Structure formats: C-alpha cells, structure tokens
C-alpha cells in the first residue's frame, strides 16, 4: 500500500489516539498536534505520568493504564524509548504505531509490524491530516508568510 493510501486509511478508520509524551505546555509540538486532532473530532488520550489531565482529558502514566481501547499510539519520545512503547502498543491491542517527525527506530517498527500493526514513522499526525484532509489553514501550517522576518503590523491613521 502506498504511503498516501496508508495514511488516509489510518486517519479515516482510527479515531482514538493515545499520545505518548504529550506535554501540557501549549508551545510544545505534542500539544499543538493533539489539540489540532482533538479539534478535528479525534479522541485524544494523553499518556504522561507528570500530569493529571491535558486538553480536558484524563492523563495516564502508561499505555497499559488506559482502561479503554485505543486505535493509534502516537509517540513523542526519544527513538531509544520506542521499542518498549511498541511492545506496550501491541499488548493493549492498538491498531497503529505512529512515530512522530524525527522519531525513527527500526526495532520499534519491526515489533509493531510483526504483531500486525500499521506503522507510520517520521511523520507528524497533524501535518498529514491537514495535507490529506484540507486543514492547512489551521494554526500556522500555511500562513501565507514566506519571510522568516517578523511582519510589521499596518499603521492606522486615526485622524482621517
């Protein structure tokens, strides 16, 4: 199956996403991605032992502590931590292991794939959803600003 077909199928069929390493800090990529997916109708299940809740959802210390099924395990952790997370994703019956941008681990990919999970690696769930389902204007993915310089706001003449 092509990458595009796999991504579309995963994002259409699976609506509950356990986000491992989700931060409660609004400026962190994990929070940004989870908030976007939540705004697009996905159920977000935060997995981070540091917090009681994030984005209005109960936060769990591990995948195995989640009391209901999850479809996608979306991982915002260091690549070295992903094989253990892949084993846990298999153990809880997840359907997809999704390793975020910059998270690449062949061992984790093999663990999940051998157990029958779809695996997406080194891609952002938010960017892929926006690209495939038309959410590119949401929260700065395509702002129309091509410069790296801060824009100067227009001045207004209040005497006219």
N, C-alpha and C. Protein backbone atom coordinates (compact mmCIF):
# COMPACT_ATOMS: atom_id res chain seq x y z
N UNK A 1 0.85 -1.18 0.00
CA UNK A 1 0.00 0.00 0.00
C UNK A 1 0.90 1.24 0.00
N UNK A 2 0.56 2.23 -0.80
CA UNK A 2 1.36 3.45 -0.85
C UNK A 2 1.26 4.19 0.48
N UNK A 3 2.26 5.04 0.71
CA UNK A 3 2.26 5.84 1.93
C UNK A 3 0.98 6.66 2.06
N UNK A 4 0.58 7.31 0.96
CA UNK A 4 -0.60 8.17 0.99
C UNK A 4 -1.85 7.36 1.31
N UNK A 5 -1.99 6.21 0.67
CA UNK A 5 -3.17 5.37 0.93
C UNK A 5 -3.19 4.89 2.37
N UNK A 6 -2.03 4.48 2.89
CA UNK A 6 -1.94 4.04 4.28
C UNK A 6 -2.32 5.17 5.22
N UNK A 7 -1.75 6.36 5.01
CA UNK A 7 -2.05 7.49 5.89
C UNK A 7 -3.53 7.84 5.87
N UNK A 8 -4.13 7.89 4.69
CA UNK A 8 -5.56 8.19 4.59
C UNK A 8 -6.40 7.14 5.32
N UNK A 9 -6.06 5.87 5.10
CA UNK A 9 -6.80 4.79 5.75
C UNK A 9 -6.68 4.88 7.27
N UNK A 10 -5.47 5.08 7.76
CA UNK A 10 -5.25 5.18 9.21
C UNK A 10 -6.06 6.33 9.80
N UNK A 11 -5.99 7.49 9.17
CA UNK A 11 -6.65 8.66 9.74
C UNK A 11 -8.17 8.65 9.56
N UNK A 12 -8.67 7.91 8.58
CA UNK A 12 -10.13 7.78 8.41
C UNK A 12 -10.72 6.74 9.35
N UNK A 13 -10.04 5.61 9.50
CA UNK A 13 -10.61 4.48 10.25
C UNK A 13 -10.41 4.57 11.75
N UNK A 14 -9.37 5.23 12.19
CA UNK A 14 -9.00 5.20 13.61
C UNK A 14 -9.16 6.58 14.24
N UNK A 15 -10.00 6.65 15.27
CA UNK A 15 -10.38 7.94 15.83
C UNK A 15 -9.93 8.19 17.27
N UNK A 16 -9.33 7.17 17.92
CA UNK A 16 -8.85 7.34 19.29
C UNK A 16 -7.33 7.26 19.29
N UNK A 17 -6.69 8.34 19.73
CA UNK A 17 -5.24 8.45 19.66
C UNK A 17 -4.66 8.61 21.06
N UNK A 18 -3.86 7.63 21.48
CA UNK A 18 -3.09 7.76 22.72
C UNK A 18 -1.80 8.48 22.35
N UNK A 19 -1.56 9.64 22.96
CA UNK A 19 -0.38 10.43 22.65
C UNK A 19 0.64 10.26 23.77
N UNK A 20 1.67 9.45 23.48
CA UNK A 20 2.71 9.15 24.47
C UNK A 20 3.72 10.29 24.47
N UNK A 21 3.88 10.92 25.64
CA UNK A 21 4.78 12.06 25.76
C UNK A 21 4.09 13.39 25.51
N UNK A 22 2.75 13.40 25.56
CA UNK A 22 2.01 14.64 25.37
C UNK A 22 2.34 15.61 26.50
N UNK A 23 2.71 16.82 26.13
CA UNK A 23 3.04 17.86 27.09
C UNK A 23 1.83 18.75 27.34
N UNK A 24 1.73 19.30 28.55
CA UNK A 24 0.66 20.25 28.87
C UNK A 24 1.06 21.67 28.46
N UNK A 25 2.29 21.85 27.99
CA UNK A 25 2.76 23.17 27.56
C UNK A 25 2.25 23.46 26.16
N UNK A 26 1.49 24.55 26.00
CA UNK A 26 0.83 24.86 24.73
C UNK A 26 1.80 25.04 23.58
N UNK A 27 3.06 25.38 23.87
CA UNK A 27 4.02 25.67 22.80
C UNK A 27 4.80 24.43 22.35
N UNK A 28 4.56 23.28 22.98
CA UNK A 28 5.26 22.06 22.58
C UNK A 28 4.58 21.42 21.37
N UNK A 29 5.35 20.83 20.46
CA UNK A 29 4.75 20.20 19.27
C UNK A 29 3.69 19.15 19.61
N UNK A 30 3.90 18.39 20.68
CA UNK A 30 2.92 17.35 21.02
C UNK A 30 1.57 17.96 21.37
N UNK A 31 1.57 19.06 22.11
CA UNK A 31 0.32 19.72 22.49
C UNK A 31 -0.37 20.29 21.25
N UNK A 32 0.41 20.92 20.41
CA UNK A 32 -0.09 21.53 19.18
C UNK A 32 -0.78 20.48 18.30
N UNK A 33 -0.10 19.35 18.11
CA UNK A 33 -0.64 18.27 17.27
C UNK A 33 -1.91 17.67 17.89
N UNK A 34 -1.86 17.41 19.20
CA UNK A 34 -3.02 16.79 19.87
C UNK A 34 -4.22 17.73 19.86
N UNK A 35 -4.00 19.02 20.10
CA UNK A 35 -5.09 19.99 20.10
C UNK A 35 -5.73 20.06 18.71
N UNK A 36 -4.91 20.04 17.68
CA UNK A 36 -5.42 20.05 16.30
C UNK A 36 -6.27 18.82 16.04
N UNK A 37 -5.76 17.63 16.40
CA UNK A 37 -6.50 16.40 16.13
C UNK A 37 -7.81 16.37 16.94
N UNK A 38 -7.76 16.85 18.17
CA UNK A 38 -8.96 16.92 19.01
C UNK A 38 -9.99 17.85 18.36
N UNK A 39 -9.54 18.97 17.82
CA UNK A 39 -10.43 19.93 17.16
C UNK A 39 -11.04 19.34 15.88
N UNK A 40 -10.42 18.29 15.35
CA UNK A 40 -10.92 17.64 14.13
C UNK A 40 -11.64 16.32 14.44
N UNK A 41 -12.11 16.17 15.67
CA UNK A 41 -13.00 15.07 16.00
C UNK A 41 -12.36 13.80 16.52
N UNK A 42 -11.06 13.82 16.77
CA UNK A 42 -10.40 12.64 17.30
C UNK A 42 -10.42 12.69 18.83
N UNK A 43 -10.49 11.52 19.44
CA UNK A 43 -10.41 11.45 20.90
C UNK A 43 -8.93 11.33 21.26
N UNK A 44 -8.46 12.25 22.06
CA UNK A 44 -7.07 12.26 22.49
C UNK A 44 -6.99 11.64 23.88
N UNK A 45 -6.05 10.71 24.05
CA UNK A 45 -5.80 10.08 25.33
C UNK A 45 -4.35 10.39 25.71
N UNK A 46 -4.15 11.37 26.60
CA UNK A 46 -2.78 11.74 26.98
C UNK A 46 -2.09 10.63 27.80
N UNK A 47 -0.81 10.40 27.48
CA UNK A 47 -0.01 9.43 28.23
C UNK A 47 1.26 10.15 28.68
N UNK A 48 1.26 10.54 29.96
CA UNK A 48 2.41 11.23 30.55
C UNK A 48 2.22 11.20 32.06
N UNK A 49 3.13 10.56 32.79
CA UNK A 49 2.96 10.44 34.25
C UNK A 49 3.07 11.77 35.00
N UNK A 50 3.49 12.84 34.34
CA UNK A 50 3.68 14.13 35.02
C UNK A 50 2.38 14.90 35.27
N UNK A 51 1.31 14.56 34.56
CA UNK A 51 0.11 15.40 34.60
C UNK A 51 -1.14 14.59 34.95
N UNK A 52 -2.12 15.21 35.65
CA UNK A 52 -3.40 14.53 35.90
C UNK A 52 -4.32 14.58 34.69
N UNK A 53 -4.25 15.68 33.91
CA UNK A 53 -5.07 15.79 32.71
C UNK A 53 -4.43 16.80 31.76
N UNK A 54 -4.74 16.64 30.48
CA UNK A 54 -4.28 17.56 29.43
C UNK A 54 -5.41 17.67 28.42
N UNK A 55 -5.67 18.89 27.93
CA UNK A 55 -6.71 19.14 26.94
C UNK A 55 -8.08 18.62 27.38
N UNK A 56 -8.33 18.67 28.70
CA UNK A 56 -9.62 18.24 29.23
C UNK A 56 -9.80 16.73 29.31
N UNK A 57 -8.74 15.98 29.05
CA UNK A 57 -8.79 14.51 29.08
C UNK A 57 -7.91 13.98 30.20
N UNK A 58 -8.35 12.91 30.85
CA UNK A 58 -7.56 12.25 31.88
C UNK A 58 -6.24 11.78 31.28
N UNK A 59 -5.16 12.04 32.00
CA UNK A 59 -3.83 11.65 31.56
C UNK A 59 -3.44 10.35 32.28
N UNK A 60 -2.86 9.42 31.55
CA UNK A 60 -2.47 8.13 32.11
C UNK A 60 -0.95 8.02 32.15
N UNK A 61 -0.43 7.30 33.16
CA UNK A 61 1.03 7.18 33.29
C UNK A 61 1.68 6.27 32.24
N UNK A 62 0.88 5.39 31.64
CA UNK A 62 1.41 4.46 30.64
C UNK A 62 0.26 3.99 29.75
N UNK A 63 0.60 3.37 28.63
CA UNK A 63 -0.44 2.82 27.75
C UNK A 63 -1.26 1.75 28.46
N UNK A 64 -0.58 0.91 29.25
CA UNK A 64 -1.28 -0.19 29.92
C UNK A 64 -2.27 0.29 30.98
N UNK A 65 -2.15 1.53 31.42
CA UNK A 65 -3.07 2.08 32.42
C UNK A 65 -4.38 2.60 31.81
N UNK A 66 -4.44 2.70 30.49
CA UNK A 66 -5.64 3.21 29.82
C UNK A 66 -6.74 2.15 29.91
N UNK A 67 -7.91 2.50 30.46
CA UNK A 67 -8.96 1.49 30.70
C UNK A 67 -9.87 1.19 29.50
N UNK A 68 -9.58 1.75 28.35
CA UNK A 68 -10.41 1.53 27.16
C UNK A 68 -9.50 1.35 25.95
N UNK A 69 -10.06 0.83 24.86
CA UNK A 69 -9.23 0.62 23.66
C UNK A 69 -8.76 1.93 23.03
N UNK A 70 -7.58 1.88 22.44
CA UNK A 70 -7.08 3.00 21.63
C UNK A 70 -6.71 2.44 20.26
N UNK A 71 -6.84 3.27 19.26
CA UNK A 71 -6.54 2.85 17.89
C UNK A 71 -5.10 3.14 17.50
N UNK A 72 -4.69 4.39 17.73
CA UNK A 72 -3.37 4.85 17.31
C UNK A 72 -2.55 5.20 18.55
N UNK A 73 -1.32 4.72 18.59
CA UNK A 73 -0.36 5.14 19.61
C UNK A 73 0.60 6.09 18.91
N UNK A 74 0.46 7.37 19.23
CA UNK A 74 1.25 8.45 18.62
C UNK A 74 2.37 8.80 19.59
N UNK A 75 3.63 8.65 19.14
CA UNK A 75 4.77 8.71 20.07
C UNK A 75 5.62 9.96 19.88
N UNK A 76 5.67 10.75 20.95
CA UNK A 76 6.55 11.92 21.05
C UNK A 76 7.62 11.62 22.10
N UNK A 77 8.44 10.64 21.87
CA UNK A 77 9.51 10.27 22.80
C UNK A 77 10.79 10.05 22.01
N UNK A 78 11.90 9.92 22.71
CA UNK A 78 13.18 9.67 22.05
C UNK A 78 13.15 8.31 21.36
N UNK A 79 13.81 8.20 20.20
CA UNK A 79 13.81 6.93 19.46
C UNK A 79 14.21 5.72 20.31
N UNK A 80 15.14 5.90 21.23
CA UNK A 80 15.60 4.77 22.06
C UNK A 80 14.48 4.23 22.95
N UNK A 81 13.48 5.03 23.25
CA UNK A 81 12.38 4.60 24.12
C UNK A 81 11.26 3.88 23.36
N UNK A 82 11.32 3.90 22.03
CA UNK A 82 10.19 3.41 21.25
C UNK A 82 10.02 1.89 21.18
N UNK A 83 11.07 1.07 21.27
CA UNK A 83 10.80 -0.38 21.28
C UNK A 83 9.91 -0.80 22.45
N UNK A 84 10.16 -0.27 23.63
CA UNK A 84 9.31 -0.61 24.79
C UNK A 84 7.89 -0.11 24.57
N UNK A 85 7.74 1.07 23.96
CA UNK A 85 6.41 1.61 23.68
C UNK A 85 5.71 0.74 22.64
N UNK A 86 6.47 0.26 21.64
CA UNK A 86 5.89 -0.62 20.61
C UNK A 86 5.36 -1.91 21.25
N UNK A 87 6.13 -2.49 22.17
CA UNK A 87 5.66 -3.70 22.88
C UNK A 87 4.37 -3.41 23.63
N UNK A 88 4.32 -2.25 24.29
CA UNK A 88 3.12 -1.88 25.05
C UNK A 88 1.93 -1.65 24.11
N UNK A 89 2.18 -1.01 22.96
CA UNK A 89 1.10 -0.79 21.98
C UNK A 89 0.53 -2.12 21.51
N UNK A 90 1.40 -3.08 21.27
CA UNK A 90 0.95 -4.43 20.86
C UNK A 90 0.12 -5.05 21.99
N UNK A 91 0.61 -4.94 23.21
CA UNK A 91 -0.05 -5.56 24.36
C UNK A 91 -1.45 -5.01 24.61
N UNK A 92 -1.68 -3.73 24.32
CA UNK A 92 -3.01 -3.14 24.57
C UNK A 92 -3.94 -3.29 23.37
N UNK A 93 -3.45 -3.87 22.28
CA UNK A 93 -4.31 -4.10 21.12
C UNK A 93 -4.48 -2.90 20.20
N UNK A 94 -3.52 -1.97 20.23
CA UNK A 94 -3.58 -0.83 19.31
C UNK A 94 -3.50 -1.32 17.87
N UNK A 95 -4.00 -0.51 16.96
CA UNK A 95 -4.01 -0.87 15.54
C UNK A 95 -2.85 -0.23 14.77
N UNK A 96 -2.35 0.90 15.31
CA UNK A 96 -1.32 1.67 14.60
C UNK A 96 -0.28 2.18 15.59
N UNK A 97 1.00 2.06 15.21
CA UNK A 97 2.08 2.72 15.93
C UNK A 97 2.53 3.87 15.05
N UNK A 98 2.41 5.09 15.56
CA UNK A 98 2.78 6.29 14.79
C UNK A 98 3.92 6.97 15.50
N UNK A 99 5.09 6.99 14.87
CA UNK A 99 6.26 7.67 15.42
C UNK A 99 6.37 9.04 14.76
N UNK A 100 6.39 10.06 15.59
CA UNK A 100 6.34 11.44 15.10
C UNK A 100 7.59 11.84 14.31
N UNK A 101 7.54 13.02 13.71
CA UNK A 101 8.67 13.56 12.96
C UNK A 101 9.93 13.49 13.80
N UNK A 102 11.00 12.97 13.21
CA UNK A 102 12.27 12.86 13.92
C UNK A 102 12.40 11.63 14.79
N UNK A 103 11.32 10.87 14.94
CA UNK A 103 11.36 9.66 15.76
C UNK A 103 11.43 8.46 14.82
N UNK A 104 12.62 7.88 14.71
CA UNK A 104 12.87 6.76 13.81
C UNK A 104 13.54 5.65 14.60
N UNK A 105 12.93 4.47 14.58
CA UNK A 105 13.52 3.32 15.25
C UNK A 105 13.06 2.06 14.53
N UNK A 106 13.99 1.40 13.84
CA UNK A 106 13.66 0.21 13.06
C UNK A 106 13.20 -0.95 13.93
N UNK A 107 13.75 -1.05 15.15
CA UNK A 107 13.34 -2.13 16.06
C UNK A 107 11.87 -1.96 16.47
N UNK A 108 11.50 -0.74 16.82
CA UNK A 108 10.10 -0.47 17.19
C UNK A 108 9.18 -0.75 16.01
N UNK A 109 9.59 -0.35 14.82
CA UNK A 109 8.80 -0.60 13.62
C UNK A 109 8.61 -2.11 13.41
N UNK A 110 9.67 -2.88 13.59
CA UNK A 110 9.59 -4.33 13.39
C UNK A 110 8.69 -4.99 14.44
N UNK A 111 8.81 -4.56 15.68
CA UNK A 111 7.98 -5.12 16.77
C UNK A 111 6.50 -4.93 16.43
N UNK A 112 6.13 -3.71 16.05
CA UNK A 112 4.73 -3.41 15.76
C UNK A 112 4.26 -4.12 14.49
N UNK A 113 5.07 -4.08 13.44
CA UNK A 113 4.68 -4.69 12.17
C UNK A 113 4.52 -6.20 12.30
N UNK A 114 5.41 -6.85 13.03
CA UNK A 114 5.32 -8.30 13.21
C UNK A 114 4.05 -8.69 13.96
N UNK A 115 3.53 -7.78 14.77
CA UNK A 115 2.29 -8.05 15.51
C UNK A 115 1.05 -7.63 14.72
N UNK A 116 1.26 -7.14 13.49
CA UNK A 116 0.12 -6.80 12.64
C UNK A 116 -0.34 -5.35 12.70
N UNK A 117 0.39 -4.51 13.40
CA UNK A 117 0.02 -3.10 13.46
C UNK A 117 0.50 -2.39 12.20
N UNK A 118 -0.26 -1.40 11.75
CA UNK A 118 0.27 -0.49 10.73
C UNK A 118 1.28 0.41 11.43
N UNK A 119 2.34 0.77 10.73
CA UNK A 119 3.37 1.62 11.31
C UNK A 119 3.60 2.84 10.43
N UNK A 120 3.56 4.01 11.05
CA UNK A 120 3.89 5.26 10.38
C UNK A 120 5.07 5.82 11.16
N UNK A 121 6.14 6.16 10.44
CA UNK A 121 7.35 6.60 11.13
C UNK A 121 7.87 7.90 10.52
N UNK A 122 8.35 8.79 11.39
CA UNK A 122 8.97 10.04 10.99
C UNK A 122 7.98 10.95 10.25
N UNK A 123 6.74 10.97 10.73
CA UNK A 123 5.72 11.86 10.16
C UNK A 123 4.89 12.45 11.30
N UNK A 124 4.37 13.65 11.07
CA UNK A 124 3.53 14.32 12.06
C UNK A 124 2.06 14.08 11.75
N UNK A 125 1.31 13.60 12.72
CA UNK A 125 -0.11 13.30 12.54
C UNK A 125 -0.89 14.55 12.13
N UNK A 126 -0.56 15.69 12.71
CA UNK A 126 -1.24 16.95 12.39
C UNK A 126 -0.95 17.37 10.95
N UNK A 127 0.31 17.36 10.56
CA UNK A 127 0.68 17.77 9.20
C UNK A 127 0.04 16.84 8.17
N UNK A 128 0.07 15.53 8.43
CA UNK A 128 -0.51 14.58 7.47
C UNK A 128 -2.02 14.74 7.37
N UNK A 129 -2.68 14.95 8.50
CA UNK A 129 -4.14 15.15 8.47
C UNK A 129 -4.46 16.42 7.68
N UNK A 130 -3.75 17.49 7.96
CA UNK A 130 -4.00 18.75 7.26
C UNK A 130 -3.75 18.61 5.76
N UNK A 131 -2.68 17.93 5.40
CA UNK A 131 -2.32 17.77 3.99
C UNK A 131 -3.35 16.91 3.25
N UNK A 132 -3.81 15.84 3.90
CA UNK A 132 -4.70 14.90 3.23
C UNK A 132 -6.18 15.29 3.30
N UNK A 133 -6.55 16.04 4.34
CA UNK A 133 -7.97 16.33 4.54
C UNK A 133 -8.28 17.83 4.56
N UNK A 134 -7.33 18.65 4.12
CA UNK A 134 -7.61 20.06 3.86
C UNK A 134 -7.62 21.00 5.05
N UNK A 135 -6.87 20.71 6.08
CA UNK A 135 -6.82 21.63 7.22
C UNK A 135 -5.60 22.52 7.22
N UNK A 136 -5.07 22.86 6.05
CA UNK A 136 -3.79 23.57 6.00
C UNK A 136 -3.83 24.98 6.56
N UNK A 137 -4.99 25.61 6.68
CA UNK A 137 -5.03 26.96 7.20
C UNK A 137 -5.05 27.02 8.72
N UNK A 138 -5.12 25.89 9.38
CA UNK A 138 -5.33 25.85 10.82
C UNK A 138 -4.02 26.06 11.57
N UNK A 139 -3.94 27.05 12.39
CA UNK A 139 -2.84 27.27 13.32
C UNK A 139 -1.46 27.26 12.67
N UNK A 140 -1.30 27.99 11.60
CA UNK A 140 0.03 28.28 11.14
C UNK A 140 0.70 27.27 10.24
N UNK A 141 0.00 26.27 9.74
CA UNK A 141 0.65 25.35 8.83
C UNK A 141 0.92 26.06 7.50
N UNK A 142 -0.03 26.83 7.01
CA UNK A 142 0.16 27.57 5.78
C UNK A 142 -0.34 28.99 6.02
N UNK A 143 0.53 29.82 6.56
CA UNK A 143 0.13 31.17 6.93
C UNK A 143 0.18 32.15 5.77
N UNK A 144 0.82 31.73 4.66
CA UNK A 144 1.00 32.64 3.55
C UNK A 144 2.20 33.56 3.74
N UNK A 145 2.86 33.50 4.88
CA UNK A 145 4.05 34.30 5.15
C UNK A 145 5.26 33.51 4.69
N UNK A 146 6.03 34.12 3.78
CA UNK A 146 7.17 33.41 3.22
C UNK A 146 8.47 33.87 3.86
N UNK A 147 8.45 34.95 4.58
CA UNK A 147 9.65 35.50 5.18
C UNK A 147 9.88 34.95 6.58
N UNK A 148 11.16 34.87 6.97
CA UNK A 148 11.49 34.49 8.34
C UNK A 148 11.48 35.70 9.26
N UNK A 149 11.28 36.89 8.69
CA UNK A 149 11.26 38.11 9.49
C UNK A 149 9.87 38.39 10.01
N UNK A 150 9.83 38.94 11.21
CA UNK A 150 8.55 39.29 11.81
C UNK A 150 7.87 40.38 10.98
N UNK A 151 6.59 40.21 10.76
CA UNK A 151 5.84 41.19 9.98
C UNK A 151 5.54 42.41 10.85
N UNK A 152 5.62 43.60 10.24
CA UNK A 152 5.27 44.82 10.94
C UNK A 152 3.77 45.06 10.74
N UNK A 153 3.04 45.25 11.83
CA UNK A 153 1.60 45.48 11.67
C UNK A 153 1.35 46.79 10.93
N UNK A 154 0.25 46.86 10.20
CA UNK A 154 -0.05 48.11 9.48
C UNK A 154 -0.32 49.24 10.47
N UNK A 155 0.08 50.46 10.09
CA UNK A 155 -0.23 51.60 10.96
C UNK A 155 -1.58 52.16 10.53
N UNK A 156 -2.29 52.69 11.46
CA UNK A 156 -3.61 53.24 11.19
C UNK A 156 -3.61 54.73 11.48
N UNK A 157 -4.13 55.46 10.55
CA UNK A 157 -4.24 56.92 10.74
C UNK A 157 -5.59 57.18 11.40
N UNK A 158 -5.57 57.59 12.66
CA UNK A 158 -6.81 57.80 13.40
C UNK A 158 -7.39 59.20 13.18
N UNK A 159 -6.79 59.99 12.28
CA UNK A 159 -7.24 61.37 12.08
C UNK A 159 -7.92 61.53 10.72
N UNK A 160 -8.41 60.48 10.15
CA UNK A 160 -8.89 60.63 8.81
C UNK A 160 -10.33 60.48 8.67
